[in-house]
PDB file of N, CA and C in Angstrom:
ATOM      1  N   MET A   1      -6.258  14.530   1.034  1.00  0.00           N
ATOM      2  CA  MET A   1      -6.048  15.448  -0.050  1.00  0.00           C
ATOM      3  C   MET A   1      -5.331  14.741  -1.195  1.00  0.00           C
ATOM      4  N   ILE A   2      -5.795  14.891  -2.409  1.00  0.00           N
ATOM      5  CA  ILE A   2      -5.230  14.210  -3.580  1.00  0.00           C
ATOM      6  C   ILE A   2      -4.356  15.265  -4.375  1.00  0.00           C
ATOM      7  N   LEU A   3      -3.094  14.896  -4.620  1.00  0.00           N
ATOM      8  CA  LEU A   3      -2.232  15.700  -5.489  1.00  0.00           C
ATOM      9  C   LEU A   3      -1.908  14.969  -6.701  1.00  0.00           C
ATOM     10  N   VAL A   4      -1.463  15.663  -7.747  1.00  0.00           N
ATOM     11  CA  VAL A   4      -0.988  15.018  -9.021  1.00  0.00           C
ATOM     12  C   VAL A   4       0.347  15.381  -9.287  1.00  0.00           C
ATOM     13  N   SER A   5       1.253  14.408  -9.476  1.00  0.00           N
ATOM     14  CA  SER A   5       2.662  14.693  -9.846  1.00  0.00           C
ATOM     15  C   SER A   5       3.266  13.461 -10.492  1.00  0.00           C
ATOM     16  N   LYS A   6       3.770  13.585 -11.724  1.00  0.00           N
ATOM     17  CA  LYS A   6       4.390  12.442 -12.490  1.00  0.00           C
ATOM     18  C   LYS A   6       5.784  12.195 -11.921  1.00  0.00           C
ATOM     19  N   HIS A   7       6.340  12.994 -11.067  1.00  0.00           N
ATOM     20  CA  HIS A   7       7.694  12.879 -10.724  1.00  0.00           C
ATOM     21  C   HIS A   7       7.961  11.904  -9.602  1.00  0.00           C
ATOM     22  N   PHE A   8       6.992  11.391  -8.966  1.00  0.00           N
ATOM     23  CA  PHE A   8       7.190  10.398  -7.843  1.00  0.00           C
ATOM     24  C   PHE A   8       7.216   8.998  -8.298  1.00  0.00           C
ATOM     25  N   PHE A   9       6.998   8.755  -9.514  1.00  0.00           N
ATOM     26  CA  PHE A   9       6.591   7.371  -9.889  1.00  0.00           C
ATOM     27  C   PHE A   9       7.687   6.701 -10.794  1.00  0.00           C
ATOM     28  N   TYR A  10       7.822   5.387 -10.498  1.00  0.00           N
ATOM     29  CA  TYR A  10       8.702   4.496 -11.153  1.00  0.00           C
ATOM     30  C   TYR A  10       7.934   3.453 -11.986  1.00  0.00           C
ATOM     31  N   LYS A  11       8.261   3.313 -13.246  1.00  0.00           N
ATOM     32  CA  LYS A  11       7.640   2.361 -14.115  1.00  0.00           C
ATOM     33  C   LYS A  11       6.092   2.478 -14.100  1.00  0.00           C
ATOM     34  N   ASN A  12       5.462   1.317 -13.705  1.00  0.00           N
ATOM     35  CA  ASN A  12       3.978   1.275 -13.789  1.00  0.00           C
ATOM     36  C   ASN A  12       3.254   1.712 -12.572  1.00  0.00           C
ATOM     37  N   TYR A  13       3.955   2.241 -11.538  1.00  0.00           N
ATOM     38  CA  TYR A  13       3.313   2.646 -10.345  1.00  0.00           C
ATOM     39  C   TYR A  13       2.507   3.989 -10.683  1.00  0.00           C
ATOM     40  N   VAL A  14       1.333   4.110 -10.181  1.00  0.00           N
ATOM     41  CA  VAL A  14       0.539   5.230 -10.485  1.00  0.00           C
ATOM     42  C   VAL A  14       0.006   6.012  -9.272  1.00  0.00           C
ATOM     43  N   GLY A  15       0.126   5.417  -8.067  1.00  0.00           N
ATOM     44  CA  GLY A  15      -0.360   6.039  -6.814  1.00  0.00           C
ATOM     45  C   GLY A  15       0.552   5.831  -5.700  1.00  0.00           C
ATOM     46  N   LEU A  16       0.582   6.851  -4.792  1.00  0.00           N
ATOM     47  CA  LEU A  16       1.509   6.773  -3.655  1.00  0.00           C
ATOM     48  C   LEU A  16       0.827   7.533  -2.452  1.00  0.00           C
ATOM     49  N   THR A  17       0.899   7.056  -1.352  1.00  0.00           N
ATOM     50  CA  THR A  17       0.316   7.717  -0.170  1.00  0.00           C
ATOM     51  C   THR A  17       1.460   8.147   0.754  1.00  0.00           C
ATOM     52  N   LEU A  18       1.543   9.432   1.084  1.00  0.00           N
ATOM     53  CA  LEU A  18       2.423  10.005   2.059  1.00  0.00           C
ATOM     54  C   LEU A  18       1.441  10.839   2.913  1.00  0.00           C
ATOM     55  N   TRP A  19       1.101  10.335   4.064  1.00  0.00           N
ATOM     56  CA  TRP A  19       0.093  11.001   4.828  1.00  0.00           C
ATOM     57  C   TRP A  19       0.368  12.404   5.050  1.00  0.00           C
ATOM     58  N   PRO A  20      -0.616  13.258   4.850  1.00  0.00           N
ATOM     59  CA  PRO A  20      -2.030  13.115   4.580  1.00  0.00           C
ATOM     60  C   PRO A  20      -2.366  13.081   3.081  1.00  0.00           C
ATOM     61  N   PHE A  21      -1.416  12.908   2.240  1.00  0.00           N
ATOM     62  CA  PHE A  21      -1.616  13.143   0.802  1.00  0.00           C
ATOM     63  C   PHE A  21      -1.716  11.755  -0.011  1.00  0.00           C
ATOM     64  N   ILE A  22      -2.616  11.778  -0.939  1.00  0.00           N
ATOM     65  CA  ILE A  22      -2.594  10.671  -1.934  1.00  0.00           C
ATOM     66  C   ILE A  22      -1.991  11.343  -3.176  1.00  0.00           C
ATOM     67  N   ILE A  23      -0.958  10.906  -3.773  1.00  0.00           N
ATOM     68  CA  ILE A  23      -0.309  11.410  -4.940  1.00  0.00           C
ATOM     69  C   ILE A  23      -0.544  10.475  -6.072  1.00  0.00           C
ATOM     70  N   LEU A  24      -1.011  11.064  -7.138  1.00  0.00           N
ATOM     71  CA  LEU A  24      -1.353  10.219  -8.321  1.00  0.00           C
ATOM     72  C   LEU A  24      -0.499  10.721  -9.510  1.00  0.00           C
ATOM     73  N   LYS A  25      -0.255   9.773 -10.371  1.00  0.00           N
ATOM     74  CA  LYS A  25       0.629  10.037 -11.583  1.00  0.00           C
ATOM     75  C   LYS A  25      -0.039  11.059 -12.625  1.00  0.00           C
ATOM     76  N   ASN A  26      -1.347  10.953 -12.653  1.00  0.00           N
ATOM     77  CA  ASN A  26      -2.107  11.935 -13.548  1.00  0.00           C
ATOM     78  C   ASN A  26      -3.456  12.128 -13.041  1.00  0.00           C
ATOM     79  N   SER A  27      -4.068  13.223 -13.443  1.00  0.00           N
ATOM     80  CA  SER A  27      -5.368  13.664 -12.923  1.00  0.00           C
ATOM     81  C   SER A  27      -6.520  12.749 -13.277  1.00  0.00           C
ATOM     82  N   SER A  28      -6.342  11.993 -14.375  1.00  0.00           N
ATOM     83  CA  SER A  28      -7.534  11.150 -14.742  1.00  0.00           C
ATOM     84  C   SER A  28      -7.659  10.003 -13.724  1.00  0.00           C
ATOM     85  N   LEU A  29      -6.611   9.692 -12.998  1.00  0.00           N
ATOM     86  CA  LEU A  29      -6.687   8.630 -11.934  1.00  0.00           C
ATOM     87  C   LEU A  29      -7.581   9.086 -10.692  1.00  0.00           C
ATOM     88  N   LYS A  30      -7.926  10.293 -10.568  1.00  0.00           N
ATOM     89  CA  LYS A  30      -8.792  10.791  -9.536  1.00  0.00           C
ATOM     90  C   LYS A  30     -10.148  10.030  -9.630  1.00  0.00           C
ATOM     91  N   LYS A  31     -10.496   9.531 -10.834  1.00  0.00           N
ATOM     92  CA  LYS A  31     -11.857   8.869 -11.032  1.00  0.00           C
ATOM     93  C   LYS A  31     -11.737   7.380 -10.793  1.00  0.00           C
ATOM     94  N   ASP A  32     -10.585   6.850 -10.506  1.00  0.00           N
ATOM     95  CA  ASP A  32     -10.360   5.462 -10.288  1.00  0.00           C
ATOM     96  C   ASP A  32     -10.690   5.119  -8.835  1.00  0.00           C
ATOM     97  N   THR A  33     -11.946   4.760  -8.557  1.00  0.00           N
ATOM     98  CA  THR A  33     -12.348   4.501  -7.189  1.00  0.00           C
ATOM     99  C   THR A  33     -11.614   3.431  -6.487  1.00  0.00           C
ATOM    100  N   VAL A  34     -11.213   2.367  -7.191  1.00  0.00           N
ATOM    101  CA  VAL A  34     -10.473   1.286  -6.610  1.00  0.00           C
ATOM    102  C   VAL A  34      -9.038   1.740  -6.186  1.00  0.00           C
ATOM    103  N   LEU A  35      -8.379   2.476  -7.008  1.00  0.00           N
ATOM    104  CA  LEU A  35      -7.059   3.070  -6.678  1.00  0.00           C
ATOM    105  C   LEU A  35      -7.184   3.936  -5.491  1.00  0.00           C
ATOM    106  N   ILE A  36      -8.113   4.867  -5.562  1.00  0.00           N
ATOM    107  CA  ILE A  36      -8.275   5.781  -4.416  1.00  0.00           C
ATOM    108  C   ILE A  36      -8.584   5.035  -3.117  1.00  0.00           C
ATOM    109  N   ASN A  37      -9.337   4.008  -3.212  1.00  0.00           N
ATOM    110  CA  ASN A  37      -9.646   3.235  -2.016  1.00  0.00           C
ATOM    111  C   ASN A  37      -8.457   2.499  -1.486  1.00  0.00           C
ATOM    112  N   HIS A  38      -7.627   1.936  -2.414  1.00  0.00           N
ATOM    113  CA  HIS A  38      -6.371   1.327  -2.071  1.00  0.00           C
ATOM    114  C   HIS A  38      -5.492   2.330  -1.264  1.00  0.00           C
ATOM    115  N   GLU A  39      -5.365   3.516  -1.803  1.00  0.00           N
ATOM    116  CA  GLU A  39      -4.577   4.503  -1.161  1.00  0.00           C
ATOM    117  C   GLU A  39      -5.141   4.985   0.202  1.00  0.00           C
ATOM    118  N   ARG A  40      -6.496   5.011   0.317  1.00  0.00           N
ATOM    119  CA  ARG A  40      -7.098   5.367   1.601  1.00  0.00           C
ATOM    120  C   ARG A  40      -6.827   4.287   2.671  1.00  0.00           C
ATOM    121  N   ILE A  41      -6.784   3.087   2.227  1.00  0.00           N
ATOM    122  CA  ILE A  41      -6.391   2.020   3.202  1.00  0.00           C
ATOM    123  C   ILE A  41      -5.000   2.281   3.726  1.00  0.00           C
ATOM    124  N   HIS A  42      -4.070   2.734   2.878  1.00  0.00           N
ATOM    125  CA  HIS A  42      -2.754   3.096   3.327  1.00  0.00           C
ATOM    126  C   HIS A  42      -2.731   4.295   4.246  1.00  0.00           C
ATOM    127  N   LEU A  43      -3.661   5.252   4.006  1.00  0.00           N
ATOM    128  CA  LEU A  43      -3.768   6.377   4.904  1.00  0.00           C
ATOM    129  C   LEU A  43      -4.108   5.958   6.316  1.00  0.00           C
ATOM    130  N   LYS A  44      -5.072   4.964   6.432  1.00  0.00           N
ATOM    131  CA  LYS A  44      -5.440   4.407   7.719  1.00  0.00           C
ATOM    132  C   LYS A  44      -4.318   3.770   8.388  1.00  0.00           C
ATOM    133  N   GLN A  45      -3.535   2.928   7.601  1.00  0.00           N
ATOM    134  CA  GLN A  45      -2.412   2.155   8.200  1.00  0.00           C
ATOM    135  C   GLN A  45      -1.332   3.204   8.665  1.00  0.00           C
ATOM    136  N   GLN A  46      -1.098   4.230   7.947  1.00  0.00           N
ATOM    137  CA  GLN A  46      -0.149   5.190   8.346  1.00  0.00           C
ATOM    138  C   GLN A  46      -0.561   5.972   9.549  1.00  0.00           C
ATOM    139  N   GLN A  47      -1.817   6.340   9.653  1.00  0.00           N
ATOM    140  CA  GLN A  47      -2.336   7.089  10.811  1.00  0.00           C
ATOM    141  C   GLN A  47      -2.272   6.230  12.063  1.00  0.00           C
ATOM    142  N   GLU A  48      -2.678   5.004  12.055  1.00  0.00           N
ATOM    143  CA  GLU A  48      -2.672   4.162  13.229  1.00  0.00           C
ATOM    144  C   GLU A  48      -1.263   3.892  13.756  1.00  0.00           C
ATOM    145  N   LEU A  49      -0.286   3.902  12.855  1.00  0.00           N
ATOM    146  CA  LEU A  49       1.059   3.649  13.326  1.00  0.00           C
ATOM    147  C   LEU A  49       1.846   4.887  13.499  1.00  0.00           C
ATOM    148  N   LEU A  50       1.211   6.000  13.427  1.00  0.00           N
ATOM    149  CA  LEU A  50       1.821   7.298  13.699  1.00  0.00           C
ATOM    150  C   LEU A  50       2.986   7.584  12.773  1.00  0.00           C
ATOM    151  N   LEU A  51       2.763   7.274  11.550  1.00  0.00           N
ATOM    152  CA  LEU A  51       3.664   7.610  10.421  1.00  0.00           C
ATOM    153  C   LEU A  51       5.042   6.957  10.423  1.00  0.00           C
ATOM    154  N   LEU A  52       5.980   7.391  11.219  1.00  0.00           N
ATOM    155  CA  LEU A  52       7.326   6.978  11.131  1.00  0.00           C
ATOM    156  C   LEU A  52       7.441   5.445  11.421  1.00  0.00           C
ATOM    157  N   PRO A  53       6.764   4.857  12.378  1.00  0.00           N
ATOM    158  CA  PRO A  53       6.777   3.378  12.445  1.00  0.00           C
ATOM    159  C   PRO A  53       6.259   2.713  11.220  1.00  0.00           C
ATOM    160  N   PHE A  54       5.262   3.241  10.553  1.00  0.00           N
ATOM    161  CA  PHE A  54       4.670   2.701   9.345  1.00  0.00           C
ATOM    162  C   PHE A  54       5.853   2.612   8.276  1.00  0.00           C
ATOM    163  N   TYR A  55       6.524   3.694   8.069  1.00  0.00           N
ATOM    164  CA  TYR A  55       7.523   3.772   7.046  1.00  0.00           C
ATOM    165  C   TYR A  55       8.702   2.800   7.343  1.00  0.00           C
ATOM    166  N   ILE A  56       9.091   2.745   8.686  1.00  0.00           N
ATOM    167  CA  ILE A  56      10.126   1.844   9.107  1.00  0.00           C
ATOM    168  C   ILE A  56       9.727   0.399   8.837  1.00  0.00           C
ATOM    169  N   LEU A  57       8.580   0.034   9.305  1.00  0.00           N
ATOM    170  CA  LEU A  57       8.030  -1.352   9.121  1.00  0.00           C
ATOM    171  C   LEU A  57       7.889  -1.644   7.608  1.00  0.00           C
ATOM    172  N   TYR A  58       7.458  -0.794   6.874  1.00  0.00           N
ATOM    173  CA  TYR A  58       7.218  -0.994   5.408  1.00  0.00           C
ATOM    174  C   TYR A  58       8.636  -1.334   4.736  1.00  0.00           C
ATOM    175  N   LEU A  59       9.593  -0.477   5.020  1.00  0.00           N
ATOM    176  CA  LEU A  59      10.924  -0.663   4.510  1.00  0.00           C
ATOM    177  C   LEU A  59      11.552  -1.955   4.965  1.00  0.00           C
ATOM    178  N   PHE A  60      11.428  -2.223   6.279  1.00  0.00           N
ATOM    179  CA  PHE A  60      12.064  -3.409   6.857  1.00  0.00           C
ATOM    180  C   PHE A  60      11.400  -4.720   6.234  1.00  0.00           C
ATOM    181  N   GLU A  61      10.048  -4.669   6.132  1.00  0.00           N
ATOM    182  CA  GLU A  61       9.419  -5.838   5.582  1.00  0.00           C
ATOM    183  C   GLU A  61       9.749  -6.014   4.125  1.00  0.00           C
ATOM    184  N   TRP A  62       9.945  -4.852   3.385  1.00  0.00           N
ATOM    185  CA  TRP A  62      10.295  -4.938   1.959  1.00  0.00           C
ATOM    186  C   TRP A  62      11.670  -5.596   1.786  1.00  0.00           C
ATOM    187  N   VAL A  63      12.615  -5.189   2.626  1.00  0.00           N
ATOM    188  CA  VAL A  63      13.986  -5.701   2.646  1.00  0.00           C
ATOM    189  C   VAL A  63      14.027  -7.187   2.879  1.00  0.00           C
ATOM    190  N   LEU A  64      13.298  -7.629   3.974  1.00  0.00           N
ATOM    191  CA  LEU A  64      13.205  -8.972   4.317  1.00  0.00           C
ATOM    192  C   LEU A  64      12.632  -9.848   3.123  1.00  0.00           C
ATOM    193  N   ARG A  65      11.527  -9.345   2.567  1.00  0.00           N
ATOM    194  CA  ARG A  65      10.901 -10.097   1.414  1.00  0.00           C
ATOM    195  C   ARG A  65      11.815 -10.088   0.143  1.00  0.00           C
ATOM    196  N   CYS A  66      12.591  -8.996  -0.024  1.00  0.00           N
ATOM    197  CA  CYS A  66      13.589  -9.048  -1.158  1.00  0.00           C
ATOM    198  C   CYS A  66      14.550 -10.130  -1.014  1.00  0.00           C
ATOM    199  N   VAL A  67      15.004 -10.314   0.189  1.00  0.00           N
ATOM    200  CA  VAL A  67      15.981 -11.422   0.486  1.00  0.00           C
ATOM    201  C   VAL A  67      15.264 -12.765   0.272  1.00  0.00           C
ATOM    202  N   TYR A  68      14.056 -12.851   0.679  1.00  0.00           N
ATOM    203  CA  TYR A  68      13.291 -14.120   0.491  1.00  0.00           C
ATOM    204  C   TYR A  68      12.971 -14.404  -0.940  1.00  0.00           C
ATOM    205  N   TYR A  69      12.484 -13.460  -1.689  1.00  0.00           N
ATOM    206  CA  TYR A  69      12.029 -13.729  -3.028  1.00  0.00           C
ATOM    207  C   TYR A  69      13.067 -13.444  -4.136  1.00  0.00           C
ATOM    208  N   PHE A  70      14.113 -12.754  -3.784  1.00  0.00           N
ATOM    209  CA  PHE A  70      15.121 -12.327  -4.757  1.00  0.00           C
ATOM    210  C   PHE A  70      14.547 -11.573  -5.889  1.00  0.00           C
ATOM    211  N   ASP A  71      13.429 -10.781  -5.615  1.00  0.00           N
ATOM    212  CA  ASP A  71      12.668 -10.121  -6.552  1.00  0.00           C
ATOM    213  C   ASP A  71      12.008  -8.874  -5.937  1.00  0.00           C
ATOM    214  N   SER A  72      12.405  -7.700  -6.258  1.00  0.00           N
ATOM    215  CA  SER A  72      11.902  -6.485  -5.524  1.00  0.00           C
ATOM    216  C   SER A  72      10.406  -6.307  -5.740  1.00  0.00           C
ATOM    217  N   TYR A  73       9.887  -6.555  -6.966  1.00  0.00           N
ATOM    218  CA  TYR A  73       8.494  -6.387  -7.184  1.00  0.00           C
ATOM    219  C   TYR A  73       7.653  -7.412  -6.428  1.00  0.00           C
ATOM    220  N   LYS A  74       8.062  -8.631  -6.420  1.00  0.00           N
ATOM    221  CA  LYS A  74       7.344  -9.648  -5.618  1.00  0.00           C
ATOM    222  C   LYS A  74       7.412  -9.332  -4.118  1.00  0.00           C
ATOM    223  N   ALA A  75       8.563  -8.816  -3.731  1.00  0.00           N
ATOM    224  CA  ALA A  75       8.679  -8.384  -2.320  1.00  0.00           C
ATOM    225  C   ALA A  75       7.675  -7.321  -2.008  1.00  0.00           C
ATOM    226  N   TYR A  76       7.571  -6.297  -2.913  1.00  0.00           N
ATOM    227  CA  TYR A  76       6.578  -5.211  -2.732  1.00  0.00           C
ATOM    228  C   TYR A  76       5.165  -5.759  -2.685  1.00  0.00           C
ATOM    229  N   GLN A  77       4.786  -6.687  -3.525  1.00  0.00           N
ATOM    230  CA  GLN A  77       3.463  -7.276  -3.589  1.00  0.00           C
ATOM    231  C   GLN A  77       3.166  -7.969  -2.286  1.00  0.00           C
ATOM    232  N   ASN A  78       4.085  -8.496  -1.569  1.00  0.00           N
ATOM    233  CA  ASN A  78       3.880  -9.311  -0.368  1.00  0.00           C
ATOM    234  C   ASN A  78       4.118  -8.581   0.905  1.00  0.00           C
ATOM    235  N   ILE A  79       4.357  -7.270   0.863  1.00  0.00           N
ATOM    236  CA  ILE A  79       4.388  -6.533   2.080  1.00  0.00           C
ATOM    237  C   ILE A  79       2.990  -6.524   2.679  1.00  0.00           C
ATOM    238  N   SER A  80       2.879  -6.731   3.986  1.00  0.00           N
ATOM    239  CA  SER A  80       1.588  -6.877   4.614  1.00  0.00           C
ATOM    240  C   SER A  80       0.633  -5.710   4.320  1.00  0.00           C
ATOM    241  N   PHE A  81       1.169  -4.559   4.366  1.00  0.00           N
ATOM    242  CA  PHE A  81       0.359  -3.275   4.133  1.00  0.00           C
ATOM    243  C   PHE A  81      -0.192  -3.366   2.736  1.00  0.00           C
ATOM    244  N   GLU A  82       0.583  -3.736   1.693  1.00  0.00           N
ATOM    245  CA  GLU A  82       0.138  -3.883   0.353  1.00  0.00           C
ATOM    246  C   GLU A  82      -0.873  -5.015   0.205  1.00  0.00           C
ATOM    247  N   ARG A  83      -0.558  -6.122   0.820  1.00  0.00           N
ATOM    248  CA  ARG A  83      -1.563  -7.317   0.764  1.00  0.00           C
ATOM    249  C   ARG A  83      -2.906  -6.887   1.235  1.00  0.00           C
ATOM    250  N   GLU A  84      -2.968  -6.243   2.431  1.00  0.00           N
ATOM    251  CA  GLU A  84      -4.251  -5.754   2.914  1.00  0.00           C
ATOM    252  C   GLU A  84      -4.891  -4.756   1.924  1.00  0.00           C
ATOM    253  N   ALA A  85      -4.210  -3.814   1.395  1.00  0.00           N
ATOM    254  CA  ALA A  85      -4.783  -2.919   0.469  1.00  0.00           C
ATOM    255  C   ALA A  85      -5.222  -3.552  -0.812  1.00  0.00           C
ATOM    256  N   TYR A  86      -4.399  -4.433  -1.417  1.00  0.00           N
ATOM    257  CA  TYR A  86      -4.806  -5.005  -2.682  1.00  0.00           C
ATOM    258  C   TYR A  86      -6.044  -5.989  -2.458  1.00  0.00           C
ATOM    259  N   ILE A  87      -6.051  -6.771  -1.386  1.00  0.00           N
ATOM    260  CA  ILE A  87      -7.104  -7.738  -1.216  1.00  0.00           C
ATOM    261  C   ILE A  87      -8.448  -6.963  -0.949  1.00  0.00           C
ATOM    262  N   ASN A  88      -8.393  -5.821  -0.339  1.00  0.00           N
ATOM    263  CA  ASN A  88      -9.665  -5.071   0.042  1.00  0.00           C
ATOM    264  C   ASN A  88      -9.923  -3.893  -0.786  1.00  0.00           C
ATOM    265  N   GLU A  89      -9.170  -3.550  -1.778  1.00  0.00           N
ATOM    266  CA  GLU A  89      -9.355  -2.342  -2.471  1.00  0.00           C
ATOM    267  C   GLU A  89     -10.689  -2.117  -3.223  1.00  0.00           C
ATOM    268  N   LYS A  90     -11.338  -3.285  -3.542  1.00  0.00           N
ATOM    269  CA  LYS A  90     -12.593  -3.215  -4.297  1.00  0.00           C
ATOM    270  C   LYS A  90     -13.775  -3.076  -3.240  1.00  0.00           C
ATOM    271  N   ASN A  91     -13.544  -3.315  -2.003  1.00  0.00           N
ATOM    272  CA  ASN A  91     -14.574  -3.065  -1.054  1.00  0.00           C
ATOM    273  C   ASN A  91     -14.518  -1.583  -0.594  1.00  0.00           C
ATOM    274  N   LEU A  92     -15.372  -0.767  -1.154  1.00  0.00           N
ATOM    275  CA  LEU A  92     -15.235   0.637  -0.884  1.00  0.00           C
ATOM    276  C   LEU A  92     -15.582   1.063   0.519  1.00  0.00           C
ATOM    277  N   LYS A  93     -16.124   0.202   1.346  1.00  0.00           N
ATOM    278  CA  LYS A  93     -16.467   0.481   2.686  1.00  0.00           C
ATOM    279  C   LYS A  93     -15.268   0.037   3.654  1.00  0.00           C
ATOM    280  N   TYR A  94     -14.331  -0.679   3.094  1.00  0.00           N
ATOM    281  CA  TYR A  94     -13.277  -1.379   3.946  1.00  0.00           C
ATOM    282  C   TYR A  94     -12.513  -0.312   4.790  1.00  0.00           C
ATOM    283  N   ALA A  95     -12.023   0.797   4.179  1.00  0.00           N
ATOM    284  CA  ALA A  95     -11.242   1.792   4.849  1.00  0.00           C
ATOM    285  C   ALA A  95     -11.912   2.350   6.096  1.00  0.00           C
ATOM    286  N   SER A  96     -13.262   2.562   6.015  1.00  0.00           N
ATOM    287  CA  SER A  96     -14.019   3.131   7.128  1.00  0.00           C
ATOM    288  C   SER A  96     -14.340   2.006   8.169  1.00  0.00           C
ATOM    289  N   GLU A  97     -14.495   0.783   7.703  1.00  0.00           N
ATOM    290  CA  GLU A  97     -14.888  -0.306   8.628  1.00  0.00           C
ATOM    291  C   GLU A  97     -13.757  -1.116   9.184  1.00  0.00           C
ATOM    292  N   ARG A  98     -12.580  -1.017   8.671  1.00  0.00           N
ATOM    293  CA  ARG A  98     -11.424  -1.903   9.124  1.00  0.00           C
ATOM    294  C   ARG A  98     -11.078  -1.697  10.579  1.00  0.00           C
ATOM    295  N   LYS A  99     -10.729  -2.798  11.193  1.00  0.00           N
ATOM    296  CA  LYS A  99     -10.272  -2.685  12.511  1.00  0.00           C
ATOM    297  C   LYS A  99      -8.805  -2.225  12.623  1.00  0.00           C
ATOM    298  N   PRO A 100      -8.459  -1.568  13.670  1.00  0.00           N
ATOM    299  CA  PRO A 100      -7.022  -1.144  13.795  1.00  0.00           C
ATOM    300  C   PRO A 100      -6.106  -2.268  13.711  1.00  0.00           C
ATOM    301  N   PHE A 101      -4.976  -2.058  13.100  1.00  0.00           N
ATOM    302  CA  PHE A 101      -3.824  -3.030  12.976  1.00  0.00           C
ATOM    303  C   PHE A 101      -4.274  -4.273  12.206  1.00  0.00           C
ATOM    304  N   SER A 102      -5.201  -4.156  11.278  1.00  0.00           N
ATOM    305  CA  SER A 102      -5.653  -5.245  10.493  1.00  0.00           C
ATOM    306  C   SER A 102      -4.521  -5.773   9.603  1.00  0.00           C
ATOM    307  N   PHE A 103      -3.565  -4.981   9.289  1.00  0.00           N
ATOM    308  CA  PHE A 103      -2.427  -5.415   8.421  1.00  0.00           C
ATOM    309  C   PHE A 103      -1.703  -6.589   9.044  1.00  0.00           C
ATOM    310  N   ILE A 104      -1.766  -6.730  10.362  1.00  0.00           N
ATOM    311  CA  ILE A 104      -0.989  -7.808  11.029  1.00  0.00           C
ATOM    312  C   ILE A 104      -1.395  -9.157  10.532  1.00  0.00           C
ATOM    313  N   LYS A 105      -2.612  -9.376  10.223  1.00  0.00           N
ATOM    314  CA  LYS A 105      -3.044 -10.759   9.699  1.00  0.00           C
ATOM    315  C   LYS A 105      -2.465 -11.087   8.370  1.00  0.00           C
ATOM    316  N   TYR A 106      -2.010  -9.999   7.650  1.00  0.00           N
ATOM    317  CA  TYR A 106      -1.407 -10.210   6.330  1.00  0.00           C
ATOM    318  C   TYR A 106       0.056 -10.389   6.347  1.00  0.00           C
ATOM    319  N   LEU A 107       0.694 -10.408   7.529  1.00  0.00           N
ATOM    320  CA  LEU A 107       2.096 -10.596   7.661  1.00  0.00           C
ATOM    321  C   LEU A 107       2.493 -12.040   7.172  1.00  0.00           C
ATOM    322  N   TRP A 108       1.546 -12.999   7.493  1.00  0.00           N
ATOM    323  CA  TRP A 108       1.842 -14.396   7.201  1.00  0.00           C
ATOM    324  C   TRP A 108       1.064 -14.837   6.008  1.00  0.00           C
ATOM    325  N   LEU A 109       0.261 -13.966   5.435  1.00  0.00           N
ATOM    326  CA  LEU A 109      -0.470 -14.332   4.212  1.00  0.00           C
ATOM    327  C   LEU A 109       0.321 -13.826   3.028  1.00  0.00           C
ATOM    328  N   SER A 110       0.947 -14.706   2.286  1.00  0.00           N
ATOM    329  CA  SER A 110       1.733 -14.268   1.157  1.00  0.00           C
ATOM    330  C   SER A 110       1.591 -15.199  -0.009  1.00  0.00           C
ATOM    331  N   LYS A 111       1.960 -14.731  -1.145  1.00  0.00           N
ATOM    332  CA  LYS A 111       1.964 -15.516  -2.359  1.00  0.00           C
ATOM    333  C   LYS A 111       3.042 -16.557  -2.296  1.00  0.00           C
ATOM    334  N   HIS A 112       2.933 -17.634  -3.006  1.00  0.00           N
ATOM    335  CA  HIS A 112       3.950 -18.615  -2.926  1.00  0.00           C
ATOM    336  C   HIS A 112       5.228 -18.110  -3.596  1.00  0.00           C
ATOM    337  N   LYS A 113       6.322 -18.526  -3.107  1.00  0.00           N
ATOM    338  CA  LYS A 113       7.666 -18.083  -3.583  1.00  0.00           C
ATOM    339  C   LYS A 113       7.791 -18.430  -5.035  1.00  0.00           C
ATOM    340  N   GLY A 114       7.274 -19.460  -5.558  1.00  0.00           N
ATOM    341  CA  GLY A 114       7.498 -19.850  -6.951  1.00  0.00           C
ATOM    342  C   GLY A 114       6.567 -19.126  -7.941  1.00  0.00           C
ATOM    343  N   GLU A 115       5.609 -18.345  -7.531  1.00  0.00           N
ATOM    344  CA  GLU A 115       4.663 -17.666  -8.499  1.00  0.00           C
ATOM    345  C   GLU A 115       5.342 -16.615  -9.238  1.00  0.00           C
TER     346      GLU A 115
END
């Protein structure tokens, strides 16, 4: 289910997934198939981890990567859940075809610290 609310977003962020909802900053984003696909990948991740473990792992990984990169945005970009979603967001079949726990292979796949 897609909801629209500008109150959830910080700076340039435009989409957020809180299972079972995809929340968008404005209604025109409903037509952005790549963004919707990115958020559907997050729905799959949240569902397979039974929600609470997803949020705990997401926060834990973000904190660790903040310490590593000294940059909260770079940390966000390198969270395994985000890496999986960004890398596969243009493949509109990915969410339906992905194997369970696919995010695990993205734990070690990260951008270089100096980028």
